[in-house]
Amino acid sequence: MAIKQQRLKGEKKDRVSFWLRLVLLAAFFAAGVILGRVLSDRAPEGTAAELAKYLTGYFSLEQTEELSAKSILSALLIYFRYPLLAFLFGLVAAGIVLLPVLSAAFGFFLSFSVCCFTAAFGQSGVLLALSAIGIRCFVTMPCFFYLAVPSMERAWMLAGASFSKGKRLSRPAYSSNLWLRLGIASALLLAGSMAELFLTPFLLHLALSKILSL
């Protein structure tokens, strides 16, 4: 009975720890979103016009070229960068600082990108942003937090062990569950990057047709 009660207390403690880490990372992500929104208002006045000109030129190009190795690698990089960094930062004690910073950077650049679309096209920019990066956000954001939250726990464990002069960890920092999570996230990110290559140009084409009336 005592062992069962101790196990239940441990599970409850793990749940509380999980939500605390999730809230912490989500708070930094939200702070990055807010900062991106604020700084987007201070972008040069010609930014909106340049973006509109670029998208207009992109729309007018004939999309007849087959997928190149460069475009595939670019899509993989865009999809894997934040989730993979979240995983790697969990392997070092410095991750307790790097992970919140990474979460804020993720939120900042996402918000800044969307705000640039809205600056160039007004409210219609929201539709354009969804067409351009909607699939990416739908896949990368869950994968990021799916890897970042347990990475935060491992980073805390490693930091605690390093400051305890070689004190042994209470449980393995690199369990099989760690690699299982990475495998699941990688499969989702790979599928998302392929969807990006095949679906996003079509969605962007539809959005630009409506917005630019071409």
C-alpha atoms as a PDB file:
ATOM      1  CA  MET A   1       0.000   0.000   0.000  1.00  0.00           C
ATOM      2  CA  ALA A   2       2.806   2.389   0.911  1.00  0.00           C
ATOM      3  CA  ILE A   3       4.545   1.673  -2.385  1.00  0.00           C
ATOM      4  CA  LYS A   4       1.314   2.346  -4.300  1.00  0.00           C
ATOM      5  CA  GLN A   5       0.753   5.628  -2.497  1.00  0.00           C
ATOM      6  CA  GLN A   6       4.327   6.674  -3.174  1.00  0.00           C
ATOM      7  CA  ARG A   7       3.870   5.816  -6.840  1.00  0.00           C
ATOM      8  CA  LEU A   8       0.665   7.869  -7.040  1.00  0.00           C
ATOM      9  CA  LYS A   9       2.410  10.824  -5.414  1.00  0.00           C
ATOM     10  CA  GLY A  10       5.223  10.504  -7.932  1.00  0.00           C
ATOM     11  CA  GLU A  11       2.778  10.447 -10.848  1.00  0.00           C
ATOM     12  CA  LYS A  12       0.946  13.486  -9.480  1.00  0.00           C
ATOM     13  CA  LYS A  13       4.224  15.319  -9.069  1.00  0.00           C
ATOM     14  CA  ASP A  14       5.174  14.460 -12.662  1.00  0.00           C
ATOM     15  CA  ARG A  15       1.855  15.809 -13.949  1.00  0.00           C
ATOM     16  CA  VAL A  16       2.283  19.058 -12.049  1.00  0.00           C
ATOM     17  CA  SER A  17       5.865  19.345 -13.304  1.00  0.00           C
ATOM     18  CA  PHE A  18       4.707  18.705 -16.873  1.00  0.00           C
ATOM     19  CA  TRP A  19       2.121  21.488 -16.778  1.00  0.00           C
ATOM     20  CA  LEU A  20       4.544  23.911 -15.162  1.00  0.00           C
ATOM     21  CA  ARG A  21       7.104  23.313 -17.891  1.00  0.00           C
ATOM     22  CA  LEU A  22       4.452  23.592 -20.595  1.00  0.00           C
ATOM     23  CA  VAL A  23       3.120  26.865 -19.168  1.00  0.00           C
ATOM     24  CA  LEU A  24       6.651  28.247 -18.875  1.00  0.00           C
ATOM     25  CA  LEU A  25       7.534  27.503 -22.496  1.00  0.00           C
ATOM     26  CA  ALA A  26       4.123  28.669 -23.719  1.00  0.00           C
ATOM     27  CA  ALA A  27       4.592  31.942 -21.818  1.00  0.00           C
ATOM     28  CA  PHE A  28       7.928  32.578 -23.539  1.00  0.00           C
ATOM     29  CA  PHE A  29       6.337  31.657 -26.867  1.00  0.00           C
ATOM     30  CA  ALA A  30       3.533  34.153 -26.238  1.00  0.00           C
ATOM     31  CA  ALA A  31       6.060  36.813 -25.240  1.00  0.00           C
ATOM     32  CA  GLY A  32       7.846  36.225 -28.548  1.00  0.00           C
ATOM     33  CA  VAL A  33       4.561  36.578 -30.426  1.00  0.00           C
ATOM     34  CA  ILE A  34       3.840  39.895 -28.714  1.00  0.00           C
ATOM     35  CA  LEU A  35       7.360  41.172 -29.368  1.00  0.00           C
ATOM     36  CA  GLY A  36       7.100  40.200 -33.032  1.00  0.00           C
ATOM     37  CA  ARG A  37       3.840  42.109 -33.306  1.00  0.00           C
ATOM     38  CA  VAL A  38       5.322  45.207 -31.677  1.00  0.00           C
ATOM     39  CA  LEU A  39       8.509  45.236 -33.746  1.00  0.00           C
ATOM     40  CA  SER A  40       6.644  44.602 -36.990  1.00  0.00           C
ATOM     41  CA  ASP A  41       5.099  48.062 -36.611  1.00  0.00           C
ATOM     42  CA  ARG A  42       8.602  49.531 -36.678  1.00  0.00           C
ATOM     43  CA  ALA A  43       9.626  47.819 -39.908  1.00  0.00           C
ATOM     44  CA  PRO A  44      10.680  50.125 -42.783  1.00  0.00           C
ATOM     45  CA  GLU A  45       7.787  51.631 -44.696  1.00  0.00           C
ATOM     46  CA  GLY A  46       8.844  49.955 -47.947  1.00  0.00           C
ATOM     47  CA  THR A  47       8.664  46.447 -46.453  1.00  0.00           C
ATOM     48  CA  ALA A  48       4.978  45.980 -47.240  1.00  0.00           C
ATOM     49  CA  ALA A  49       5.384  47.171 -50.833  1.00  0.00           C
ATOM     50  CA  GLU A  50       8.414  44.938 -51.351  1.00  0.00           C
ATOM     51  CA  LEU A  51       6.529  41.921 -50.048  1.00  0.00           C
ATOM     52  CA  ALA A  52       3.561  42.657 -52.293  1.00  0.00           C
ATOM     53  CA  LYS A  53       5.875  43.031 -55.290  1.00  0.00           C
ATOM     54  CA  TYR A  54       7.663  39.785 -54.468  1.00  0.00           C
ATOM     55  CA  LEU A  55       4.432  37.822 -54.110  1.00  0.00           C
ATOM     56  CA  THR A  56       3.041  39.314 -57.284  1.00  0.00           C
ATOM     57  CA  GLY A  57       6.157  38.205 -59.145  1.00  0.00           C
ATOM     58  CA  TYR A  58       5.965  34.781 -57.531  1.00  0.00           C
ATOM     59  CA  PHE A  59       2.367  34.441 -58.625  1.00  0.00           C
ATOM     60  CA  SER A  60       3.166  35.346 -62.213  1.00  0.00           C
ATOM     61  CA  LEU A  61       5.868  32.703 -62.582  1.00  0.00           C
ATOM     62  CA  GLU A  62       5.003  29.480 -64.323  1.00  0.00           C
ATOM     63  CA  GLN A  63       5.217  26.699 -61.777  1.00  0.00           C
ATOM     64  CA  THR A  64       6.452  24.085 -64.223  1.00  0.00           C
ATOM     65  CA  GLU A  65       9.722  23.089 -62.633  1.00  0.00           C
ATOM     66  CA  GLU A  66       9.959  19.783 -60.831  1.00  0.00           C
ATOM     67  CA  LEU A  67      10.955  19.638 -57.200  1.00  0.00           C
ATOM     68  CA  SER A  68      14.675  20.093 -56.762  1.00  0.00           C
ATOM     69  CA  ALA A  69      16.946  18.776 -54.055  1.00  0.00           C
ATOM     70  CA  LYS A  70      17.395  22.362 -52.877  1.00  0.00           C
ATOM     71  CA  SER A  71      13.675  22.927 -52.388  1.00  0.00           C
ATOM     72  CA  ILE A  72      13.311  19.635 -50.512  1.00  0.00           C
ATOM     73  CA  LEU A  73      16.242  20.382 -48.210  1.00  0.00           C
ATOM     74  CA  SER A  74      14.890  23.880 -47.624  1.00  0.00           C
ATOM     75  CA  ALA A  75      11.491  22.503 -46.591  1.00  0.00           C
ATOM     76  CA  LEU A  76      13.096  19.949 -44.266  1.00  0.00           C
ATOM     77  CA  LEU A  77      15.223  22.649 -42.653  1.00  0.00           C
ATOM     78  CA  ILE A  78      12.236  24.920 -42.104  1.00  0.00           C
ATOM     79  CA  TYR A  79      10.221  22.134 -40.508  1.00  0.00           C
ATOM     80  CA  PHE A  80      12.921  20.493 -38.397  1.00  0.00           C
ATOM     81  CA  ARG A  81      14.860  23.521 -37.121  1.00  0.00           C
ATOM     82  CA  TYR A  82      12.861  24.434 -34.008  1.00  0.00           C
ATOM     83  CA  PRO A  83      11.726  20.922 -32.940  1.00  0.00           C
ATOM     84  CA  LEU A  84      15.198  19.462 -33.510  1.00  0.00           C
ATOM     85  CA  LEU A  85      16.868  22.264 -31.572  1.00  0.00           C
ATOM     86  CA  ALA A  86      14.347  21.697 -28.769  1.00  0.00           C
ATOM     87  CA  PHE A  87      15.395  18.059 -28.664  1.00  0.00           C
ATOM     88  CA  LEU A  88      19.129  18.832 -28.716  1.00  0.00           C
ATOM     89  CA  PHE A  89      18.863  21.502 -26.018  1.00  0.00           C
ATOM     90  CA  GLY A  90      17.415  18.851 -23.733  1.00  0.00           C
ATOM     91  CA  LEU A  91      20.706  16.966 -23.897  1.00  0.00           C
ATOM     92  CA  VAL A  92      22.646  19.697 -22.105  1.00  0.00           C
ATOM     93  CA  ALA A  93      22.227  21.469 -18.780  1.00  0.00           C
ATOM     94  CA  ALA A  94      22.248  24.840 -20.550  1.00  0.00           C
ATOM     95  CA  GLY A  95      18.907  23.831 -22.021  1.00  0.00           C
ATOM     96  CA  ILE A  96      17.152  25.312 -18.995  1.00  0.00           C
ATOM     97  CA  VAL A  97      18.030  28.713 -20.499  1.00  0.00           C
ATOM     98  CA  LEU A  98      18.222  27.851 -24.192  1.00  0.00           C
ATOM     99  CA  LEU A  99      14.771  26.244 -24.396  1.00  0.00           C
ATOM    100  CA  PRO A 100      12.800  29.288 -23.170  1.00  0.00           C
ATOM    101  CA  VAL A 101      14.864  31.516 -25.476  1.00  0.00           C
ATOM    102  CA  LEU A 102      14.198  29.157 -28.386  1.00  0.00           C
ATOM    103  CA  SER A 103      10.486  29.149 -27.598  1.00  0.00           C
ATOM    104  CA  ALA A 104      10.434  32.964 -27.592  1.00  0.00           C
ATOM    105  CA  ALA A 105      12.344  33.066 -30.893  1.00  0.00           C
ATOM    106  CA  PHE A 106       9.861  30.641 -32.459  1.00  0.00           C
ATOM    107  CA  GLY A 107       6.946  32.829 -31.412  1.00  0.00           C
ATOM    108  CA  PHE A 108       8.689  36.022 -32.502  1.00  0.00           C
ATOM    109  CA  PHE A 109       9.521  34.984 -36.063  1.00  0.00           C
ATOM    110  CA  LEU A 110       6.113  33.381 -36.548  1.00  0.00           C
ATOM    111  CA  SER A 111       4.335  36.531 -35.387  1.00  0.00           C
ATOM    112  CA  PHE A 112       6.627  38.826 -37.362  1.00  0.00           C
ATOM    113  CA  SER A 113       5.972  36.852 -40.564  1.00  0.00           C
ATOM    114  CA  VAL A 114       2.197  36.997 -40.168  1.00  0.00           C
ATOM    115  CA  CYS A 115       2.318  40.717 -39.367  1.00  0.00           C
ATOM    116  CA  CYS A 116       4.327  41.365 -42.525  1.00  0.00           C
ATOM    117  CA  PHE A 117       1.571  39.721 -44.550  1.00  0.00           C
ATOM    118  CA  THR A 118      -1.113  41.805 -42.867  1.00  0.00           C
ATOM    119  CA  ALA A 119       0.979  44.967 -43.333  1.00  0.00           C
ATOM    120  CA  ALA A 120       1.194  44.324 -47.061  1.00  0.00           C
ATOM    121  CA  PHE A 121      -2.385  43.153 -47.693  1.00  0.00           C
ATOM    122  CA  GLY A 122      -4.430  44.305 -44.711  1.00  0.00           C
ATOM    123  CA  GLN A 123      -6.972  41.825 -43.365  1.00  0.00           C
ATOM    124  CA  SER A 124      -6.568  39.731 -46.503  1.00  0.00           C
ATOM    125  CA  GLY A 125      -3.004  39.117 -45.361  1.00  0.00           C
ATOM    126  CA  VAL A 126      -4.346  36.729 -42.728  1.00  0.00           C
ATOM    127  CA  LEU A 127      -5.706  34.489 -45.478  1.00  0.00           C
ATOM    128  CA  LEU A 128      -2.435  34.746 -47.343  1.00  0.00           C
ATOM    129  CA  ALA A 129      -0.444  33.905 -44.220  1.00  0.00           C
ATOM    130  CA  LEU A 130      -2.625  30.856 -43.579  1.00  0.00           C
ATOM    131  CA  SER A 131      -2.055  29.726 -47.145  1.00  0.00           C
ATOM    132  CA  ALA A 132       1.706  30.261 -46.957  1.00  0.00           C
ATOM    133  CA  ILE A 133       2.542  28.952 -43.483  1.00  0.00           C
ATOM    134  CA  GLY A 134      -0.670  27.389 -42.181  1.00  0.00           C
ATOM    135  CA  ILE A 135       0.376  23.782 -42.781  1.00  0.00           C
ATOM    136  CA  ARG A 136       3.803  24.518 -41.320  1.00  0.00           C
ATOM    137  CA  CYS A 137       2.387  25.946 -38.097  1.00  0.00           C
ATOM    138  CA  PHE A 138      -0.147  23.114 -37.773  1.00  0.00           C
ATOM    139  CA  VAL A 139       2.695  20.569 -37.815  1.00  0.00           C
ATOM    140  CA  THR A 140       5.722  22.293 -36.294  1.00  0.00           C
ATOM    141  CA  MET A 141       4.094  23.898 -33.244  1.00  0.00           C
ATOM    142  CA  PRO A 142       2.742  20.660 -31.700  1.00  0.00           C
ATOM    143  CA  CYS A 143       5.977  18.833 -32.535  1.00  0.00           C
ATOM    144  CA  PHE A 144       7.997  21.621 -30.957  1.00  0.00           C
ATOM    145  CA  PHE A 145       6.194  21.481 -27.616  1.00  0.00           C
ATOM    146  CA  TYR A 146       5.995  17.682 -27.817  1.00  0.00           C
ATOM    147  CA  LEU A 147       9.805  17.623 -27.733  1.00  0.00           C
ATOM    148  CA  ALA A 148      10.517  20.822 -25.776  1.00  0.00           C
ATOM    149  CA  VAL A 149       8.537  19.982 -22.619  1.00  0.00           C
ATOM    150  CA  PRO A 150      10.353  16.695 -21.828  1.00  0.00           C
ATOM    151  CA  SER A 151      13.607  18.308 -22.962  1.00  0.00           C
ATOM    152  CA  MET A 152      13.103  20.951 -20.292  1.00  0.00           C
ATOM    153  CA  GLU A 153      12.802  18.212 -17.690  1.00  0.00           C
ATOM    154  CA  ARG A 154      15.994  16.499 -18.860  1.00  0.00           C
ATOM    155  CA  ALA A 155      17.848  19.813 -18.874  1.00  0.00           C
ATOM    156  CA  TRP A 156      16.763  20.458 -15.280  1.00  0.00           C
ATOM    157  CA  MET A 157      17.905  16.969 -14.271  1.00  0.00           C
ATOM    158  CA  LEU A 158      21.290  17.480 -15.917  1.00  0.00           C
ATOM    159  CA  ALA A 159      21.679  20.926 -14.395  1.00  0.00           C
ATOM    160  CA  GLY A 160      20.790  19.590 -10.960  1.00  0.00           C
ATOM    161  CA  ALA A 161      23.286  16.757 -11.313  1.00  0.00           C
ATOM    162  CA  SER A 162      26.042  19.107 -12.472  1.00  0.00           C
ATOM    163  CA  PHE A 163      25.521  21.440  -9.520  1.00  0.00           C
ATOM    164  CA  SER A 164      25.396  18.514  -7.102  1.00  0.00           C
ATOM    165  CA  LYS A 165      29.007  17.557  -7.772  1.00  0.00           C
ATOM    166  CA  GLY A 166      28.382  14.352  -9.634  1.00  0.00           C
ATOM    167  CA  LYS A 167      25.248  13.306  -7.794  1.00  0.00           C
ATOM    168  CA  ARG A 168      23.539  10.473  -9.620  1.00  0.00           C
ATOM    169  CA  LEU A 169      20.271  11.177 -11.408  1.00  0.00           C
ATOM    170  CA  SER A 170      17.139   9.808  -9.765  1.00  0.00           C
ATOM    171  CA  ARG A 171      16.122   8.317 -13.123  1.00  0.00           C
ATOM    172  CA  PRO A 172      17.747   7.924 -16.560  1.00  0.00           C
ATOM    173  CA  ALA A 173      17.901  11.173 -18.510  1.00  0.00           C
ATOM    174  CA  TYR A 174      18.129   9.350 -21.834  1.00  0.00           C
ATOM    175  CA  SER A 175      15.345   6.770 -21.758  1.00  0.00           C
ATOM    176  CA  SER A 176      13.858   4.858 -24.676  1.00  0.00           C
ATOM    177  CA  ASN A 177      10.864   7.193 -24.514  1.00  0.00           C
ATOM    178  CA  LEU A 178      13.197  10.012 -25.548  1.00  0.00           C
ATOM    179  CA  TRP A 179      14.019   8.369 -28.866  1.00  0.00           C
ATOM    180  CA  LEU A 180      10.422   7.279 -29.389  1.00  0.00           C
ATOM    181  CA  ARG A 181       9.284  10.887 -29.126  1.00  0.00           C
ATOM    182  CA  LEU A 182      11.952  11.993 -31.568  1.00  0.00           C
ATOM    183  CA  GLY A 183      10.901   9.284 -34.022  1.00  0.00           C
ATOM    184  CA  ILE A 184       7.213  10.220 -33.850  1.00  0.00           C
ATOM    185  CA  ALA A 185       7.952  13.929 -34.215  1.00  0.00           C
ATOM    186  CA  SER A 186      10.341  13.292 -37.104  1.00  0.00           C
ATOM    187  CA  ALA A 187       7.717  11.261 -38.969  1.00  0.00           C
ATOM    188  CA  LEU A 188       5.147  14.045 -38.547  1.00  0.00           C
ATOM    189  CA  LEU A 189       7.625  16.720 -39.591  1.00  0.00           C
ATOM    190  CA  LEU A 190       8.663  14.745 -42.654  1.00  0.00           C
ATOM    191  CA  ALA A 191       5.032  14.313 -43.685  1.00  0.00           C
ATOM    192  CA  GLY A 192       4.396  18.002 -43.082  1.00  0.00           C
ATOM    193  CA  SER A 193       7.357  19.075 -45.175  1.00  0.00           C
ATOM    194  CA  MET A 194       6.135  16.939 -48.070  1.00  0.00           C
ATOM    195  CA  ALA A 195       2.669  18.467 -47.745  1.00  0.00           C
ATOM    196  CA  GLU A 196       4.319  21.884 -47.772  1.00  0.00           C
ATOM    197  CA  LEU A 197       6.014  21.148 -51.081  1.00  0.00           C
ATOM    198  CA  PHE A 198       2.901  19.861 -52.819  1.00  0.00           C
ATOM    199  CA  LEU A 199      -0.024  21.731 -51.215  1.00  0.00           C
ATOM    200  CA  THR A 200       1.283  25.147 -50.181  1.00  0.00           C
ATOM    201  CA  PRO A 201       1.967  26.416 -53.749  1.00  0.00           C
ATOM    202  CA  PHE A 202      -1.594  25.484 -54.698  1.00  0.00           C
ATOM    203  CA  LEU A 203      -3.088  27.183 -51.610  1.00  0.00           C
ATOM    204  CA  LEU A 204      -0.917  30.239 -52.130  1.00  0.00           C
ATOM    205  CA  HIS A 205      -1.985  30.393 -55.757  1.00  0.00           C
ATOM    206  CA  LEU A 206      -5.653  30.435 -54.740  1.00  0.00           C
ATOM    207  CA  ALA A 207      -5.105  33.080 -52.065  1.00  0.00           C
ATOM    208  CA  LEU A 208      -3.108  35.342 -54.351  1.00  0.00           C
ATOM    209  CA  SER A 209      -5.724  34.960 -57.087  1.00  0.00           C
ATOM    210  CA  LYS A 210      -8.329  36.326 -54.729  1.00  0.00           C
ATOM    211  CA  ILE A 211      -6.211  39.033 -53.106  1.00  0.00           C
ATOM    212  CA  LEU A 212      -4.373  40.352 -56.136  1.00  0.00           C
ATOM    213  CA  SER A 213      -7.278  39.779 -58.540  1.00  0.00           C
ATOM    214  CA  LEU A 214      -4.978  38.444 -61.230  1.00  0.00           C
END
